[in-house]
Amino acid sequence: MTENDELKKENIEGSSGKVPDEVKGNDGYAASEKYFENVACPYYPCHKFPDTEGPIHMNCLFCFCPLYHMENCPGSPAYKNKNGKIIKVCTNCTFPHVKDNYDTIMEIMRRAD
């Protein structure tokens, strides 16, 4: 084990000497290039997940939705009229925050190029 590996292990284990299950990914939600959850964010959770039992796992990778500009995004936006201008409101949309939607979002962004 390298010195860097030792430091990583020390930072993860903290004072308890145990690696938290969330970091290990035992629940299927380990941080990766497709998913991370920032529970320390002052806005977390920024959306409500309806009918969710147990812990909420929100993918924070797309904190600012890359699909916002799309007229026909796969999410569930609402629209409101503000001073004669139609505004897209994504308050109740959780699509970019669902772990399993990463590949779909990336495919949509590739096609948009």
C-alpha atoms as a PDB file:
ATOM      1  CA  MET A   1       0.000   0.000   0.000  1.00  0.00           C
ATOM      2  CA  THR A   2       1.412   3.384  -0.983  1.00  0.00           C
ATOM      3  CA  GLU A   3       1.553   6.412   1.290  1.00  0.00           C
ATOM      4  CA  ASN A   4      -1.257   7.986  -0.755  1.00  0.00           C
ATOM      5  CA  ASP A   5      -3.418   4.874  -0.265  1.00  0.00           C
ATOM      6  CA  GLU A   6      -2.772   5.044   3.466  1.00  0.00           C
ATOM      7  CA  LEU A   7      -3.865   8.697   3.553  1.00  0.00           C
ATOM      8  CA  LYS A   8      -7.039   7.893   1.607  1.00  0.00           C
ATOM      9  CA  LYS A   9      -7.811   5.020   3.964  1.00  0.00           C
ATOM     10  CA  GLU A  10      -7.163   7.227   6.994  1.00  0.00           C
ATOM     11  CA  ASN A  11      -9.430   9.990   5.656  1.00  0.00           C
ATOM     12  CA  ILE A  12     -12.228   7.561   4.862  1.00  0.00           C
ATOM     13  CA  GLU A  13     -12.026   5.602   8.080  1.00  0.00           C
ATOM     14  CA  GLY A  14     -11.778   8.634  10.317  1.00  0.00           C
ATOM     15  CA  SER A  15     -11.505   8.072  14.031  1.00  0.00           C
ATOM     16  CA  SER A  16     -13.850   5.073  14.167  1.00  0.00           C
ATOM     17  CA  GLY A  17     -11.563   2.868  12.076  1.00  0.00           C
ATOM     18  CA  LYS A  18     -14.530   1.703   9.988  1.00  0.00           C
ATOM     19  CA  VAL A  19     -15.286   2.633   6.400  1.00  0.00           C
ATOM     20  CA  PRO A  20     -18.887   3.892   6.193  1.00  0.00           C
ATOM     21  CA  ASP A  21     -21.181   1.717   4.060  1.00  0.00           C
ATOM     22  CA  GLU A  22     -22.011   4.726   1.859  1.00  0.00           C
ATOM     23  CA  VAL A  23     -18.354   5.058   0.858  1.00  0.00           C
ATOM     24  CA  LYS A  24     -17.937   1.335   0.281  1.00  0.00           C
ATOM     25  CA  GLY A  25     -21.004   1.301  -1.902  1.00  0.00           C
ATOM     26  CA  ASN A  26     -22.720  -1.603  -0.139  1.00  0.00           C
ATOM     27  CA  ASP A  27     -26.059   0.030  -0.883  1.00  0.00           C
ATOM     28  CA  GLY A  28     -25.298   0.500  -4.594  1.00  0.00           C
ATOM     29  CA  TYR A  29     -24.606   4.212  -4.281  1.00  0.00           C
ATOM     30  CA  ALA A  30     -20.812   4.475  -4.221  1.00  0.00           C
ATOM     31  CA  ALA A  31     -19.303   7.640  -5.668  1.00  0.00           C
ATOM     32  CA  SER A  32     -18.117   7.165  -9.250  1.00  0.00           C
ATOM     33  CA  GLU A  33     -17.723   9.043 -12.525  1.00  0.00           C
ATOM     34  CA  LYS A  34     -21.512   8.659 -12.926  1.00  0.00           C
ATOM     35  CA  TYR A  35     -22.693   9.444  -9.420  1.00  0.00           C
ATOM     36  CA  PHE A  36     -21.884  11.381  -6.284  1.00  0.00           C
ATOM     37  CA  GLU A  37     -23.977  12.675  -3.453  1.00  0.00           C
ATOM     38  CA  ASN A  38     -23.114  15.901  -1.626  1.00  0.00           C
ATOM     39  CA  VAL A  39     -25.015  15.642   1.638  1.00  0.00           C
ATOM     40  CA  ALA A  40     -22.919  18.522   3.020  1.00  0.00           C
ATOM     41  CA  CYS A  41     -24.444  20.936   0.479  1.00  0.00           C
ATOM     42  CA  PRO A  42     -26.628  23.550   2.205  1.00  0.00           C
ATOM     43  CA  TYR A  43     -29.314  22.940  -0.449  1.00  0.00           C
ATOM     44  CA  TYR A  44     -29.342  19.142  -0.111  1.00  0.00           C
ATOM     45  CA  PRO A  45     -31.817  17.746  -0.857  1.00  0.00           C
ATOM     46  CA  CYS A  46     -32.785  20.326  -3.451  1.00  0.00           C
ATOM     47  CA  HIS A  47     -35.764  18.308  -4.713  1.00  0.00           C
ATOM     48  CA  LYS A  48     -38.316  16.107  -3.008  1.00  0.00           C
ATOM     49  CA  PHE A  49     -38.471  12.505  -4.150  1.00  0.00           C
ATOM     50  CA  PRO A  50     -42.112  11.445  -3.918  1.00  0.00           C
ATOM     51  CA  ASP A  51     -43.009   8.073  -2.429  1.00  0.00           C
ATOM     52  CA  THR A  52     -39.467   7.391  -1.252  1.00  0.00           C
ATOM     53  CA  GLU A  53     -38.972   5.076   1.681  1.00  0.00           C
ATOM     54  CA  GLY A  54     -35.632   4.921   3.431  1.00  0.00           C
ATOM     55  CA  PRO A  55     -32.695   7.201   2.669  1.00  0.00           C
ATOM     56  CA  ILE A  56     -32.868   9.536  -0.296  1.00  0.00           C
ATOM     57  CA  HIS A  57     -29.984   9.118  -2.710  1.00  0.00           C
ATOM     58  CA  MET A  58     -29.721  12.147  -4.956  1.00  0.00           C
ATOM     59  CA  ASN A  59     -27.148  12.281  -7.736  1.00  0.00           C
ATOM     60  CA  CYS A  60     -25.528  15.705  -7.394  1.00  0.00           C
ATOM     61  CA  LEU A  61     -23.405  15.295 -10.534  1.00  0.00           C
ATOM     62  CA  PHE A  62     -25.910  17.326 -12.534  1.00  0.00           C
ATOM     63  CA  CYS A  63     -26.556  19.966  -9.886  1.00  0.00           C
ATOM     64  CA  PHE A  64     -27.388  22.405 -12.658  1.00  0.00           C
ATOM     65  CA  CYS A  65     -29.372  20.358 -15.148  1.00  0.00           C
ATOM     66  CA  PRO A  66     -27.660  20.181 -18.552  1.00  0.00           C
ATOM     67  CA  LEU A  67     -31.084  19.559 -20.120  1.00  0.00           C
ATOM     68  CA  TYR A  68     -32.703  22.761 -18.857  1.00  0.00           C
ATOM     69  CA  HIS A  69     -32.337  24.494 -22.221  1.00  0.00           C
ATOM     70  CA  MET A  70     -34.162  21.674 -24.048  1.00  0.00           C
ATOM     71  CA  GLU A  71     -37.745  22.269 -25.045  1.00  0.00           C
ATOM     72  CA  ASN A  72     -38.612  18.556 -24.803  1.00  0.00           C
ATOM     73  CA  CYS A  73     -36.423  17.293 -21.987  1.00  0.00           C
ATOM     74  CA  PRO A  74     -37.195  13.855 -20.497  1.00  0.00           C
ATOM     75  CA  GLY A  75     -37.866  15.302 -17.055  1.00  0.00           C
ATOM     76  CA  SER A  76     -41.126  16.611 -15.649  1.00  0.00           C
ATOM     77  CA  PRO A  77     -40.860  20.406 -15.738  1.00  0.00           C
ATOM     78  CA  ALA A  78     -43.733  22.793 -15.249  1.00  0.00           C
ATOM     79  CA  TYR A  79     -44.088  26.139 -16.988  1.00  0.00           C
ATOM     80  CA  LYS A  80     -45.279  29.457 -15.665  1.00  0.00           C
ATOM     81  CA  ASN A  81     -45.919  32.846 -17.166  1.00  0.00           C
ATOM     82  CA  LYS A  82     -43.921  35.640 -15.610  1.00  0.00           C
ATOM     83  CA  ASN A  83     -44.459  39.110 -17.032  1.00  0.00           C
ATOM     84  CA  GLY A  84     -45.491  37.653 -20.375  1.00  0.00           C
ATOM     85  CA  LYS A  85     -42.502  35.313 -20.590  1.00  0.00           C
ATOM     86  CA  ILE A  86     -42.820  31.531 -20.246  1.00  0.00           C
ATOM     87  CA  ILE A  87     -40.391  30.195 -17.625  1.00  0.00           C
ATOM     88  CA  LYS A  88     -39.436  26.533 -17.250  1.00  0.00           C
ATOM     89  CA  VAL A  89     -39.779  25.450 -13.608  1.00  0.00           C
ATOM     90  CA  CYS A  90     -37.935  22.280 -12.620  1.00  0.00           C
ATOM     91  CA  THR A  91     -38.610  22.362  -8.891  1.00  0.00           C
ATOM     92  CA  ASN A  92     -40.467  19.039  -8.925  1.00  0.00           C
ATOM     93  CA  CYS A  93     -38.244  17.324 -11.491  1.00  0.00           C
ATOM     94  CA  THR A  94     -35.859  14.662 -10.192  1.00  0.00           C
ATOM     95  CA  PHE A  95     -34.744  13.186 -13.546  1.00  0.00           C
ATOM     96  CA  PRO A  96     -31.110  14.417 -13.501  1.00  0.00           C
ATOM     97  CA  HIS A  97     -30.756  13.393  -9.846  1.00  0.00           C
ATOM     98  CA  VAL A  98     -31.637   9.722 -10.342  1.00  0.00           C
ATOM     99  CA  LYS A  99     -28.470   7.617 -10.483  1.00  0.00           C
ATOM    100  CA  ASP A 100     -29.705   5.361 -13.289  1.00  0.00           C
ATOM    101  CA  ASN A 101     -30.412   8.307 -15.627  1.00  0.00           C
ATOM    102  CA  TYR A 102     -26.733   9.213 -16.167  1.00  0.00           C
ATOM    103  CA  ASP A 103     -26.342   7.255 -19.425  1.00  0.00           C
ATOM    104  CA  THR A 104     -29.588   8.687 -20.822  1.00  0.00           C
ATOM    105  CA  ILE A 105     -28.495  12.242 -20.050  1.00  0.00           C
ATOM    106  CA  MET A 106     -25.089  11.699 -21.639  1.00  0.00           C
ATOM    107  CA  GLU A 107     -26.678  10.214 -24.785  1.00  0.00           C
ATOM    108  CA  ILE A 108     -29.036  13.197 -25.093  1.00  0.00           C
ATOM    109  CA  MET A 109     -26.114  15.601 -24.712  1.00  0.00           C
ATOM    110  CA  ARG A 110     -24.081  13.716 -27.359  1.00  0.00           C
ATOM    111  CA  ARG A 111     -26.971  13.943 -29.832  1.00  0.00           C
ATOM    112  CA  ALA A 112     -27.363  17.668 -29.142  1.00  0.00           C
ATOM    113  CA  ASP A 113     -23.859  18.420 -30.460  1.00  0.00           C
END
